[in-house]
Amino acid sequence: MTNVGLLHPGAMGSAVGAVLRTEGVEVLWASEGRSETTQSRAEQAGLRDVVTVDALVAESEIVLCICPPHAAADVAQAVARSGFRGTYVDANAVAPATVEMIASTVAANGATFVDGDLIGGPPQPGGPTRLYLSGDAASSVAGLLTGPGLESVVVDGGVAAASTLKMCYAAWTKGSAALLLAIRAAAREFGVEDALLAEWDRTQPGIRARSEAAVGSVPKAWRFIGEMHEIAATFAEIGLPDGFAEAAADVYRRLEAFEHVDVPLDRALDAVLSAPTDDWRVANRANWDDRAAIHVRSEFYDVERWLHGRRGPRPWEVAALGDVSGSTLVHLQCHFGLDTLAWARAGATVAGVDFSPVAIEEAAALAEKAGLASRARFLCVDVDHAASALAGETFDIAYVSLGSLCWLPSVERWAEQLGSLVREGGRLYIHDTHPLSWALAADRLTVEHTYFEEQQPFVSESPFTYTDSDVAIVHPRAYEWNHSLGEIVSALIDNGFVIDSLQEHDWTVWRRFRWLVRDPDGRWITPPGRPRAPLSFTILASRVDSPG
């Protein structure tokens, strides 16, 4: 009997798993981090729970991934980390470029990759659901991944052919549903809905019914957002306008609150007419509360080793700031305090500021464990209010560590806080991701996101964080902004700083791109033979006079 590991048994996945079970296939799933609803679906489908992804990988010849599009790359990475060497079937609605990235991820450990995509609803006996498969190994799994109500079809056209077919198909089905809902909402708002429906009945028979049926997409709107982004990327890859799909994603974003809930058309149209009200601070705080709880226990940060190793600041930070004994230092966006406490070990008296209460609680506990509580304090406050929270106190050094600026909508407001926190003659040290690196696509040297600060944030929904843990984030939505080097430098100058040094680096301390490799110092760099791009930057600046 062949074992198929299923990640994850949502409405579609559990139905597919149930079909495979009728054909004598043993279907496994991993309950760790999954909801009670998923647990119930898996039990009803007769799937065997092996608890963890590692255990699922160890027992499966085939891993079949059916998940929301925004999670596809992260699930593949978790499977690859578990050392899977069987056949990985990615049956998700993703762009060809995403397929290639996922294929590279799973193949790096010796697994065989098959692209797949499902068209139709959850399979039922006699139903029309098809699983399209592509790639060199597609035929080897097609006969196994079939059953009552589920037909497997091998499609020619390259490794990503199945997903490309899905992108083109869903661009119409899901894109037209969003368009019809937007048209009905606009007509209603402008008071011409009755006239529009009458004209449709005369000249476009059937469109009225289709617009009313479009409300059936509302319970899955949360899932369709990522799919429309993938469709947009598919169009953009070959030079077609991507705005159609991005607009549909915006319509679905306005409806995502109705996850798994059937609503009447009137209520759906009201929601389409309402701009999204999601508070980015609330969403980001919830996201970082989740991350902090995972990070402090992760191998990536290795807190226990740090506690026993007496490790201080990084060598390049010491080279920039020198001996900090007797200095005062403030660390904005300090996370759970590991970098802040490294400076306390080096002799500074430190204050860490972060908006995540979970992170601040962990930081305070870590200071106690490290015996540094007498020289370290942590405040739970948004970075925009750091100066007022510290009641006018000024510091010898302000420290900004990697992964900070992308979480701020305004670099000017951030610089104002620094101008108030650093004493005259004091210094500022920044090491962060280079804005060009932030703007590049995840899988190739192509500009995918804005290089400059924009009012509209980049919205991501990754279910996992960047550490080695595959524990799911409960609140995956996050809002980010990019800021150009010119914007960063100008904001600092406008707030009383003189730039002593600005350096762009072809290395970083985390794996920003999957194709980066480690150098002998443990930093991530571009491999030989590929064009180098700046991955991080450092700024050393001095405060010369009071801002304003």
Protein backbone atom coordinates (compact mmCIF):
# COMPACT_ATOMS: atom_id res chain seq x y z
CA MET A 1 0.00 0.00 0.00
CA THR A 2 1.26 3.46 -0.94
CA ASN A 3 1.25 6.14 1.76
CA VAL A 4 0.24 9.64 0.68
CA GLY A 5 0.93 12.48 3.09
CA LEU A 6 -1.72 15.22 2.73
CA LEU A 7 -0.89 18.82 3.60
CA HIS A 8 -3.49 19.98 4.56
CA PRO A 9 -7.03 18.55 4.84
CA GLY A 10 -9.19 21.63 4.33
CA ALA A 11 -12.53 21.30 2.54
CA MET A 12 -10.86 20.33 -0.74
CA GLY A 13 -7.95 18.40 0.74
CA SER A 14 -10.07 16.25 3.05
CA ALA A 15 -12.42 15.37 0.18
CA VAL A 16 -9.48 14.37 -2.02
CA GLY A 17 -8.07 12.32 0.86
CA ALA A 18 -11.40 10.53 1.28
CA VAL A 19 -11.44 9.65 -2.43
CA LEU A 20 -7.93 8.21 -2.26
CA ARG A 21 -8.90 6.14 0.79
CA THR A 22 -11.66 4.45 -1.26
CA GLU A 23 -8.93 3.34 -3.70
CA GLY A 24 -6.92 1.65 -0.96
CA VAL A 25 -4.41 4.45 -0.41
CA GLU A 26 -3.24 5.15 3.16
CA VAL A 27 -3.60 8.92 3.61
CA LEU A 28 -1.65 10.61 6.42
CA TRP A 29 -1.95 14.10 7.82
CA ALA A 30 -0.20 16.18 10.53
CA SER A 31 -2.42 17.74 13.20
CA GLU A 32 0.22 19.89 14.90
CA GLY A 33 -0.82 23.54 14.69
CA ARG A 34 -4.06 22.77 12.81
CA SER A 35 -7.55 23.87 13.85
CA GLU A 36 -10.36 21.82 15.38
CA THR A 37 -12.27 22.20 12.12
CA THR A 38 -9.41 20.63 10.20
CA GLN A 39 -9.18 17.87 12.81
CA SER A 40 -12.88 17.11 12.34
CA ARG A 41 -12.60 17.03 8.54
CA ALA A 42 -9.61 14.70 8.68
CA GLU A 43 -11.38 12.30 11.04
CA GLN A 44 -14.50 12.22 8.87
CA ALA A 45 -12.35 11.49 5.81
CA GLY A 46 -10.63 8.59 7.61
CA LEU A 47 -7.14 10.11 7.46
CA ARG A 48 -4.43 8.86 9.82
CA ASP A 49 -2.94 11.52 12.08
CA VAL A 50 0.84 11.32 12.51
CA VAL A 51 0.91 14.68 14.39
CA THR A 52 4.02 16.30 12.85
CA VAL A 53 5.22 17.15 9.36
CA ASP A 54 8.48 15.31 10.11
CA ALA A 55 6.57 12.11 10.89
CA LEU A 56 4.38 12.52 7.80
CA VAL A 57 7.43 12.92 5.58
CA ALA A 58 9.12 9.89 7.12
CA GLU A 59 6.14 7.61 6.36
CA SER A 60 5.04 8.91 2.95
CA GLU A 61 6.12 7.98 -0.56
CA ILE A 62 4.10 10.87 -1.96
CA VAL A 63 3.35 14.22 -0.33
CA LEU A 64 0.31 15.98 -1.78
CA CYS A 65 0.08 19.66 -0.87
CA ILE A 66 -3.36 21.32 -1.09
CA CYS A 67 -3.31 24.63 0.76
CA PRO A 68 -4.09 28.34 0.26
CA PRO A 69 -1.83 29.81 -2.46
CA HIS A 70 -0.07 32.18 -0.07
CA ALA A 71 1.11 29.20 2.01
CA ALA A 72 2.35 26.95 -0.80
CA ALA A 73 6.02 27.99 -0.77
CA ASP A 74 6.26 27.81 3.02
CA VAL A 75 4.73 24.32 3.18
CA ALA A 76 7.19 23.12 0.54
CA GLN A 77 10.06 24.58 2.54
CA ALA A 78 8.88 22.79 5.70
CA VAL A 79 8.74 19.48 3.82
CA ALA A 80 12.20 20.07 2.35
CA ARG A 81 13.61 20.80 5.81
CA SER A 82 12.26 17.44 6.93
CA GLY A 83 14.46 15.70 4.36
CA PHE A 84 11.72 14.38 2.05
CA ARG A 85 13.07 12.39 -0.93
CA GLY A 86 9.85 10.99 -2.38
CA THR A 87 7.47 12.61 -4.87
CA TYR A 88 6.08 16.03 -3.96
CA VAL A 89 2.86 17.05 -5.73
CA ASP A 90 2.03 20.74 -5.35
CA ALA A 91 -1.68 21.01 -6.21
CA ASN A 92 -2.07 24.71 -5.49
CA ALA A 93 -3.26 27.74 -7.46
CA VAL A 94 0.09 29.45 -7.95
CA ALA A 95 1.93 31.26 -10.74
CA PRO A 96 4.49 29.51 -12.97
CA ALA A 97 7.34 31.39 -11.26
CA THR A 98 6.09 30.18 -7.87
CA VAL A 99 5.97 26.62 -9.22
CA GLU A 100 9.59 26.85 -10.32
CA MET A 101 10.63 28.16 -6.92
CA ILE A 102 8.78 25.34 -5.12
CA ALA A 103 10.23 22.75 -7.50
CA SER A 104 13.73 24.02 -6.78
CA THR A 105 13.07 23.92 -3.02
CA VAL A 106 11.93 20.29 -2.88
CA ALA A 107 14.38 19.04 -5.51
CA ALA A 108 17.34 20.44 -3.59
CA ASN A 109 17.01 17.55 -1.11
CA GLY A 110 16.53 14.91 -3.78
CA ALA A 111 12.72 14.85 -4.00
CA THR A 112 10.84 14.48 -7.29
CA PHE A 113 8.51 17.35 -8.14
CA VAL A 114 5.12 17.19 -9.87
CA ASP A 115 3.03 20.28 -10.52
CA GLY A 116 -0.71 19.91 -10.03
CA ASP A 117 -3.91 21.88 -9.87
CA LEU A 118 -7.51 21.09 -9.05
CA ILE A 119 -10.38 22.42 -11.13
CA GLY A 120 -13.85 21.90 -9.71
CA GLY A 121 -15.21 21.64 -6.19
CA PRO A 122 -14.41 19.02 -3.55
CA PRO A 123 -14.73 15.68 -5.39
CA GLN A 124 -17.93 13.67 -5.06
CA PRO A 125 -18.93 10.45 -6.85
CA GLY A 126 -20.01 11.37 -10.37
CA GLY A 127 -18.62 14.87 -9.99
CA PRO A 128 -16.46 16.80 -12.46
CA THR A 129 -13.36 17.53 -10.36
CA ARG A 130 -10.08 17.17 -12.26
CA LEU A 131 -6.53 17.07 -10.95
CA TYR A 132 -4.26 18.33 -13.71
CA LEU A 133 -0.65 17.17 -13.42
CA SER A 134 2.51 18.20 -15.27
CA GLY A 135 6.23 17.54 -15.21
CA ASP A 136 8.40 14.58 -16.07
CA ALA A 137 7.01 12.42 -13.25
CA ALA A 138 3.34 13.37 -13.69
CA SER A 139 2.37 10.07 -15.33
CA SER A 140 3.89 8.08 -12.46
CA VAL A 141 1.38 9.46 -9.94
CA ALA A 142 -1.67 10.09 -12.13
CA GLY A 143 -3.01 6.56 -11.77
CA LEU A 144 -2.71 6.69 -7.99
CA LEU A 145 -4.25 10.14 -7.44
CA THR A 146 -7.67 9.29 -8.84
CA GLY A 147 -10.95 7.82 -7.70
CA PRO A 148 -14.71 8.37 -7.62
CA GLY A 149 -15.36 11.98 -8.63
CA LEU A 150 -11.66 12.77 -9.11
CA GLU A 151 -10.05 12.46 -12.54
CA SER A 152 -6.30 12.90 -12.97
CA VAL A 153 -5.21 14.41 -16.29
CA VAL A 154 -1.59 14.79 -17.42
CA VAL A 155 -1.12 18.02 -19.36
CA ASP A 156 1.81 18.79 -21.67
CA GLY A 157 3.64 22.09 -21.75
CA GLY A 158 6.46 22.02 -19.20
CA VAL A 159 6.81 21.56 -15.47
CA ALA A 160 4.39 24.39 -14.60
CA ALA A 161 1.74 23.60 -17.22
CA ALA A 162 -0.88 22.44 -14.72
CA SER A 163 -0.63 25.60 -12.63
CA THR A 164 -0.55 27.82 -15.72
CA LEU A 165 -3.78 26.21 -16.89
CA LYS A 166 -5.32 26.91 -13.47
CA MET A 167 -4.19 30.54 -13.56
CA CYS A 168 -5.85 31.10 -16.92
CA TYR A 169 -8.99 29.23 -15.90
CA ALA A 170 -9.40 30.97 -12.53
CA ALA A 171 -8.63 34.38 -14.02
CA TRP A 172 -12.04 34.06 -15.66
CA THR A 173 -14.07 32.14 -13.07
CA LYS A 174 -12.92 33.97 -9.94
CA GLY A 175 -12.01 37.20 -11.70
CA SER A 176 -15.42 37.50 -13.36
CA ALA A 177 -17.21 36.77 -10.06
CA ALA A 178 -15.33 39.64 -8.40
CA LEU A 179 -16.05 41.91 -11.38
CA LEU A 180 -19.78 41.14 -11.29
CA LEU A 181 -19.96 41.85 -7.56
CA ALA A 182 -18.13 45.15 -8.09
CA ILE A 183 -20.45 46.12 -10.97
CA ARG A 184 -23.57 45.37 -8.93
CA ALA A 185 -22.16 47.33 -5.98
CA ALA A 186 -21.29 50.32 -8.17
CA ALA A 187 -24.69 50.33 -9.85
CA ARG A 188 -26.41 50.17 -6.47
CA GLU A 189 -24.31 53.01 -5.03
CA PHE A 190 -25.07 55.24 -8.02
CA GLY A 191 -28.78 54.36 -7.99
CA VAL A 192 -28.93 52.62 -11.39
CA GLU A 193 -29.06 48.97 -10.28
CA ASP A 194 -32.65 48.37 -11.42
CA ALA A 195 -31.96 49.94 -14.81
CA LEU A 196 -28.79 47.86 -15.22
CA LEU A 197 -30.61 44.62 -14.39
CA ALA A 198 -33.36 45.46 -16.85
CA GLU A 199 -30.84 46.14 -19.60
CA TRP A 200 -29.00 42.93 -18.81
CA ASP A 201 -32.29 41.02 -19.10
CA ARG A 202 -32.87 42.55 -22.55
CA THR A 203 -29.41 42.31 -24.06
CA GLN A 204 -27.30 40.01 -21.85
CA PRO A 205 -29.61 37.18 -20.78
CA GLY A 206 -28.16 35.16 -17.94
CA ILE A 207 -25.86 37.89 -16.55
CA ARG A 208 -28.34 38.83 -13.79
CA ALA A 209 -28.35 35.22 -12.57
CA ARG A 210 -24.57 35.00 -12.81
CA SER A 211 -24.14 38.20 -10.79
CA GLU A 212 -26.41 36.79 -8.09
CA ALA A 213 -24.56 33.45 -8.14
CA ALA A 214 -21.27 35.33 -7.64
CA VAL A 215 -22.15 35.65 -3.96
CA GLY A 216 -21.21 31.96 -3.73
CA SER A 217 -17.55 33.02 -3.91
CA VAL A 218 -17.82 35.08 -0.71
CA PRO A 219 -17.15 32.28 1.85
CA LYS A 220 -13.83 31.59 0.07
CA ALA A 221 -12.86 35.20 -0.55
CA TRP A 222 -10.08 34.94 2.07
CA ARG A 223 -8.49 32.19 -0.02
CA PHE A 224 -9.02 33.86 -3.38
CA ILE A 225 -6.97 36.95 -2.44
CA GLY A 226 -3.70 35.04 -2.73
CA GLU A 227 -4.89 33.26 -5.86
CA MET A 228 -5.61 36.56 -7.61
CA HIS A 229 -2.14 37.82 -6.67
CA GLU A 230 -0.69 34.67 -8.28
CA ILE A 231 -2.77 35.27 -11.41
CA ALA A 232 -1.49 38.85 -11.51
CA ALA A 233 2.08 37.55 -11.32
CA THR A 234 1.35 35.10 -14.15
CA PHE A 235 0.15 37.91 -16.40
CA ALA A 236 3.02 40.21 -15.46
CA GLU A 237 5.60 37.50 -16.22
CA ILE A 238 4.75 37.71 -19.93
CA GLY A 239 4.17 41.46 -20.05
CA LEU A 240 0.37 41.47 -19.74
CA PRO A 241 -1.38 44.00 -17.45
CA ASP A 242 -1.78 42.57 -13.95
CA GLY A 243 -4.26 45.16 -12.74
CA PHE A 244 -7.33 43.04 -13.53
CA ALA A 245 -6.33 40.36 -11.06
CA GLU A 246 -5.05 42.81 -8.44
CA ALA A 247 -8.37 44.65 -8.53
CA ALA A 248 -10.19 41.34 -8.03
CA ALA A 249 -7.92 40.63 -5.07
CA ASP A 250 -9.00 43.96 -3.56
CA VAL A 251 -12.68 43.06 -3.99
CA TYR A 252 -12.10 39.73 -2.26
CA ARG A 253 -10.15 41.42 0.52
CA ARG A 254 -13.26 43.44 1.33
CA LEU A 255 -15.17 40.17 1.70
CA GLU A 256 -12.66 38.08 3.62
CA ALA A 257 -14.38 38.64 6.98
CA PHE A 258 -17.08 36.22 5.78
CA GLU A 259 -14.69 33.25 5.83
CA HIS A 260 -16.72 30.02 5.53
CA VAL A 261 -19.94 32.05 6.00
CA ASP A 262 -22.80 32.18 3.48
CA VAL A 263 -24.17 35.72 3.23
CA PRO A 264 -27.02 37.27 1.19
CA LEU A 265 -26.13 39.33 -1.87
CA ASP A 266 -27.18 42.61 -0.24
CA ARG A 267 -24.75 42.12 2.62
CA ALA A 268 -21.94 41.15 0.26
CA LEU A 269 -22.47 44.26 -1.87
CA ASP A 270 -22.41 46.45 1.23
CA ALA A 271 -19.05 44.92 2.16
CA VAL A 272 -17.67 45.46 -1.36
CA LEU A 273 -18.55 49.15 -1.06
CA SER A 274 -16.75 49.45 2.28
CA ALA A 275 -13.01 50.01 2.18
CA PRO A 276 -11.04 47.50 4.26
CA THR A 277 -10.84 48.59 7.91
CA ASP A 278 -8.10 46.23 9.03
CA ASP A 279 -5.82 48.16 11.39
CA TRP A 280 -2.29 47.37 10.29
CA ARG A 281 -0.89 47.91 13.79
CA VAL A 282 -3.32 45.41 15.29
CA ALA A 283 -2.54 42.87 12.57
CA ASN A 284 1.25 43.33 12.81
CA ARG A 285 1.21 43.19 16.60
CA ALA A 286 -0.72 39.91 16.56
CA ASN A 287 1.68 38.56 13.93
CA TRP A 288 4.75 39.51 15.99
CA ASP A 289 3.25 38.17 19.19
CA ASP A 290 3.04 34.82 17.40
CA ARG A 291 6.58 35.15 16.03
CA ALA A 292 8.11 36.12 19.37
CA ALA A 293 6.73 33.00 21.05
CA ILE A 294 8.23 30.86 18.26
CA HIS A 295 11.54 32.71 17.87
CA VAL A 296 12.59 32.61 21.50
CA ARG A 297 12.47 28.80 21.38
CA SER A 298 13.91 28.39 17.87
CA GLU A 299 17.22 26.91 16.81
CA PHE A 300 17.71 29.97 14.61
CA TYR A 301 18.18 32.24 17.64
CA ASP A 302 19.48 29.45 19.92
CA VAL A 303 18.84 31.34 23.16
CA GLU A 304 20.28 28.60 25.37
CA ARG A 305 23.59 28.72 23.53
CA TRP A 306 23.58 32.51 23.79
CA LEU A 307 22.99 32.33 27.55
CA HIS A 308 25.88 29.95 28.09
CA GLY A 309 28.22 31.30 25.42
CA ARG A 310 28.48 34.86 26.71
CA ARG A 311 28.24 36.10 23.12
CA GLY A 312 28.17 39.90 22.67
CA PRO A 313 27.49 42.14 19.67
CA ARG A 314 28.46 41.03 16.15
CA PRO A 315 32.03 41.79 15.05
CA TRP A 316 31.01 44.39 12.44
CA GLU A 317 28.84 46.17 15.02
CA VAL A 318 31.74 46.36 17.47
CA ALA A 319 33.97 47.65 14.66
CA ALA A 320 31.48 50.45 13.99
CA LEU A 321 30.69 51.49 17.59
CA GLY A 322 33.82 50.43 19.47
CA ASP A 323 33.86 50.12 23.23
CA VAL A 324 30.43 50.92 24.67
CA SER A 325 31.33 50.48 28.34
CA GLY A 326 29.52 53.09 30.42
CA SER A 327 27.35 54.22 27.46
CA THR A 328 23.58 54.35 27.35
CA LEU A 329 21.90 52.69 24.37
CA VAL A 330 18.30 52.56 23.13
CA HIS A 331 17.19 49.81 20.77
CA LEU A 332 14.07 50.52 18.75
CA GLN A 333 12.02 47.47 17.67
CA CYS A 334 14.06 45.25 19.95
CA HIS A 335 11.96 42.06 19.48
CA PHE A 336 12.64 39.69 22.42
CA GLY A 337 15.82 41.53 23.37
CA LEU A 338 18.65 39.24 22.29
CA ASP A 339 20.55 41.94 20.38
CA THR A 340 19.75 44.54 23.06
CA LEU A 341 21.20 42.34 25.79
CA ALA A 342 24.31 41.67 23.71
CA TRP A 343 25.13 45.37 24.14
CA ALA A 344 24.44 45.12 27.86
CA ARG A 345 26.99 42.30 27.98
CA ALA A 346 29.42 44.63 26.25
CA GLY A 347 29.04 47.14 29.10
CA ALA A 348 26.23 49.46 27.99
CA THR A 349 23.11 50.31 29.96
CA VAL A 350 20.29 49.52 27.56
CA ALA A 351 16.61 50.22 26.96
CA GLY A 352 14.63 48.14 24.46
CA VAL A 353 11.37 49.26 22.88
CA ASP A 354 8.92 47.03 21.02
CA PHE A 355 5.16 47.02 20.40
CA SER A 356 4.71 43.28 21.06
CA PRO A 357 3.79 42.49 24.67
CA VAL A 358 4.85 38.87 24.16
CA ALA A 359 8.28 39.99 22.92
CA ILE A 360 8.75 42.43 25.82
CA GLU A 361 7.76 39.79 28.37
CA GLU A 362 10.27 37.37 26.85
CA ALA A 363 12.96 40.09 26.78
CA ALA A 364 12.52 40.88 30.47
CA ALA A 365 12.70 37.17 31.34
CA LEU A 366 15.83 36.75 29.23
CA ALA A 367 17.50 39.69 30.98
CA GLU A 368 16.88 37.98 34.33
CA LYS A 369 18.27 34.65 33.09
CA ALA A 370 21.35 36.36 31.69
CA GLY A 371 21.99 38.30 34.92
CA LEU A 372 21.64 41.59 33.05
CA ALA A 373 18.42 42.96 34.53
CA SER A 374 20.29 45.69 36.41
CA ARG A 375 21.53 47.14 33.10
CA ALA A 376 18.54 46.44 30.88
CA ARG A 377 14.89 47.54 30.79
CA PHE A 378 12.22 46.91 28.21
CA LEU A 379 9.16 48.98 27.35
CA CYS A 380 6.08 47.82 25.44
CA VAL A 381 5.29 50.80 23.25
CA ASP A 382 4.87 51.55 19.55
CA VAL A 383 8.03 52.97 17.97
CA ASP A 384 6.14 56.13 16.99
CA HIS A 385 5.72 56.93 20.70
CA ALA A 386 9.12 55.80 21.97
CA ALA A 387 10.38 59.28 22.87
CA SER A 388 7.32 60.19 24.93
CA ALA A 389 7.32 56.78 26.64
CA LEU A 390 10.92 57.40 27.70
CA ALA A 391 9.87 60.80 29.10
CA GLY A 392 12.43 62.93 27.33
CA GLU A 393 15.41 60.72 28.21
CA THR A 394 18.29 60.83 25.73
CA PHE A 395 20.94 58.22 24.96
CA ASP A 396 24.53 58.02 23.81
CA ILE A 397 23.67 55.46 21.13
CA ALA A 398 20.56 54.46 19.20
CA TYR A 399 20.67 51.00 17.65
CA VAL A 400 18.42 49.71 14.85
CA SER A 401 18.84 46.07 13.90
CA LEU A 402 18.01 44.00 10.84
CA GLY A 403 14.36 43.69 9.83
CA SER A 404 13.07 46.90 11.39
CA LEU A 405 12.26 49.53 8.78
CA CYS A 406 9.98 47.41 6.62
CA TRP A 407 7.37 47.40 9.41
CA LEU A 408 7.02 51.19 9.46
CA PRO A 409 4.73 53.15 7.13
CA SER A 410 6.71 56.39 7.59
CA VAL A 411 10.48 56.65 7.81
CA GLU A 412 10.10 60.33 8.64
CA ARG A 413 8.15 59.63 11.87
CA TRP A 414 10.75 57.01 12.80
CA ALA A 415 13.59 59.51 12.27
CA GLU A 416 11.78 62.08 14.42
CA GLN A 417 11.82 59.61 17.30
CA LEU A 418 15.55 59.00 16.85
CA GLY A 419 16.22 62.74 16.74
CA SER A 420 14.52 63.08 20.12
CA LEU A 421 16.18 60.02 21.68
CA VAL A 422 19.85 60.60 20.79
CA ARG A 423 21.71 63.30 22.71
CA GLU A 424 23.76 65.91 20.88
CA GLY A 425 27.06 64.29 20.04
CA GLY A 426 25.49 60.85 20.32
CA ARG A 427 25.58 58.20 17.62
CA LEU A 428 23.15 56.13 15.59
CA TYR A 429 23.90 52.68 14.15
CA ILE A 430 21.55 51.03 11.63
CA HIS A 431 21.92 47.65 9.95
CA ASP A 432 18.92 46.61 7.87
CA THR A 433 17.83 44.88 4.69
CA HIS A 434 18.74 46.86 1.60
CA PRO A 435 15.62 48.38 0.01
CA LEU A 436 16.59 46.99 -3.40
CA SER A 437 16.78 43.50 -1.91
CA TRP A 438 13.35 44.05 -0.36
CA ALA A 439 11.95 45.10 -3.76
CA LEU A 440 13.21 42.01 -5.62
CA ALA A 441 11.14 38.92 -6.33
CA ALA A 442 11.78 35.98 -4.02
CA ASP A 443 13.07 33.69 -6.75
CA ARG A 444 14.89 35.89 -9.27
CA LEU A 445 16.64 39.23 -9.69
CA THR A 446 13.51 41.01 -10.88
CA VAL A 447 11.95 44.08 -9.27
CA GLU A 448 8.55 42.92 -7.99
CA HIS A 449 7.75 45.46 -5.25
CA THR A 450 8.18 49.19 -5.02
CA TYR A 451 11.63 50.52 -4.10
CA PHE A 452 10.15 53.70 -2.62
CA GLU A 453 7.92 54.42 0.35
CA GLU A 454 4.27 54.17 -0.67
CA GLN A 455 1.10 54.81 1.29
CA GLN A 456 -0.26 51.42 0.24
CA PRO A 457 1.46 48.59 2.16
CA PHE A 458 2.60 45.25 0.85
CA VAL A 459 0.35 42.63 2.45
CA SER A 460 1.72 39.14 3.11
CA GLU A 461 0.04 36.11 4.64
CA SER A 462 2.80 33.60 5.27
CA PRO A 463 1.73 30.93 7.78
CA PHE A 464 5.31 30.40 8.97
CA THR A 465 8.08 32.67 10.19
CA TYR A 466 11.69 32.86 9.01
CA THR A 467 13.23 30.70 11.74
CA ASP A 468 13.83 26.97 11.50
CA SER A 469 10.51 26.17 13.21
CA ASP A 470 7.56 24.99 11.12
CA VAL A 471 5.04 25.88 13.83
CA ALA A 472 2.16 27.73 12.16
CA ILE A 473 1.52 31.40 12.90
CA VAL A 474 -2.04 31.91 14.13
CA HIS A 475 -2.20 35.46 12.74
CA PRO A 476 -0.39 35.29 9.37
CA ARG A 477 -1.40 38.66 7.92
CA ALA A 478 1.33 41.31 7.99
CA TYR A 479 1.69 44.79 6.48
CA GLU A 480 5.07 46.04 5.25
CA TRP A 481 6.54 49.09 3.52
CA ASN A 482 9.78 49.71 1.69
CA HIS A 483 11.87 52.88 2.04
CA SER A 484 14.58 53.94 -0.39
CA LEU A 485 18.09 54.73 0.82
CA GLY A 486 17.52 58.34 -0.20
CA GLU A 487 14.36 58.55 1.91
CA ILE A 488 16.12 57.02 4.93
CA VAL A 489 19.17 59.29 4.71
CA SER A 490 17.12 62.43 4.06
CA ALA A 491 14.83 61.72 7.03
CA LEU A 492 17.84 61.35 9.32
CA ILE A 493 19.49 64.55 8.06
CA ASP A 494 16.20 66.43 8.52
CA ASN A 495 16.16 65.32 12.16
CA GLY A 496 19.61 66.47 13.21
CA PHE A 497 21.94 63.67 12.06
CA VAL A 498 25.12 63.83 10.02
CA ILE A 499 25.84 60.67 8.03
CA ASP A 500 29.35 59.51 8.93
CA SER A 501 29.22 56.29 6.92
CA LEU A 502 26.83 54.56 4.52
CA GLN A 503 27.84 51.11 3.32
CA GLU A 504 25.99 48.69 1.06
CA HIS A 505 26.78 45.01 1.59
CA ASP A 506 26.55 41.96 -0.65
CA TRP A 507 25.73 39.84 2.42
CA THR A 508 23.07 39.54 5.08
CA VAL A 509 22.59 37.47 8.24
CA TRP A 510 19.43 35.66 7.14
CA ARG A 511 18.49 33.79 3.99
CA ARG A 512 16.61 36.54 2.16
CA PHE A 513 16.57 34.46 -1.03
CA ARG A 514 16.58 30.68 -1.29
CA TRP A 515 19.52 30.76 -3.73
CA LEU A 516 21.87 32.47 -1.26
CA VAL A 517 24.72 30.41 0.21
CA ARG A 518 26.66 30.70 3.48
CA ASP A 519 30.18 32.11 3.50
CA PRO A 520 32.86 30.96 5.98
CA ASP A 521 31.72 33.67 8.45
CA GLY A 522 28.17 32.32 8.48
CA ARG A 523 26.72 35.20 6.47
CA TRP A 524 24.47 34.70 3.44
CA ILE A 525 25.91 35.77 0.08
CA THR A 526 25.19 35.45 -3.65
CA PRO A 527 26.78 32.25 -5.01
CA PRO A 528 29.71 32.58 -7.45
CA GLY A 529 28.66 33.08 -11.03
CA ARG A 530 25.48 35.04 -10.27
CA PRO A 531 25.24 38.84 -10.45
CA ARG A 532 25.57 40.43 -7.02
CA ALA A 533 22.96 42.78 -5.63
CA PRO A 534 23.06 44.71 -2.33
CA LEU A 535 21.49 42.59 0.41
CA SER A 536 21.90 44.84 3.44
CA PHE A 537 23.25 48.26 4.41
CA THR A 538 24.72 49.98 7.45
CA ILE A 539 24.56 53.62 8.46
CA LEU A 540 26.66 55.25 11.16
CA ALA A 541 25.47 58.77 11.98
CA SER A 542 26.06 61.49 14.61
CA ARG A 543 23.59 63.92 16.20
CA VAL A 544 24.92 67.43 15.81
CA ASP A 545 22.09 69.69 16.93
CA SER A 546 18.50 69.61 18.06
CA PRO A 547 16.08 68.62 15.26
CA GLY A 548 13.81 71.29 13.88
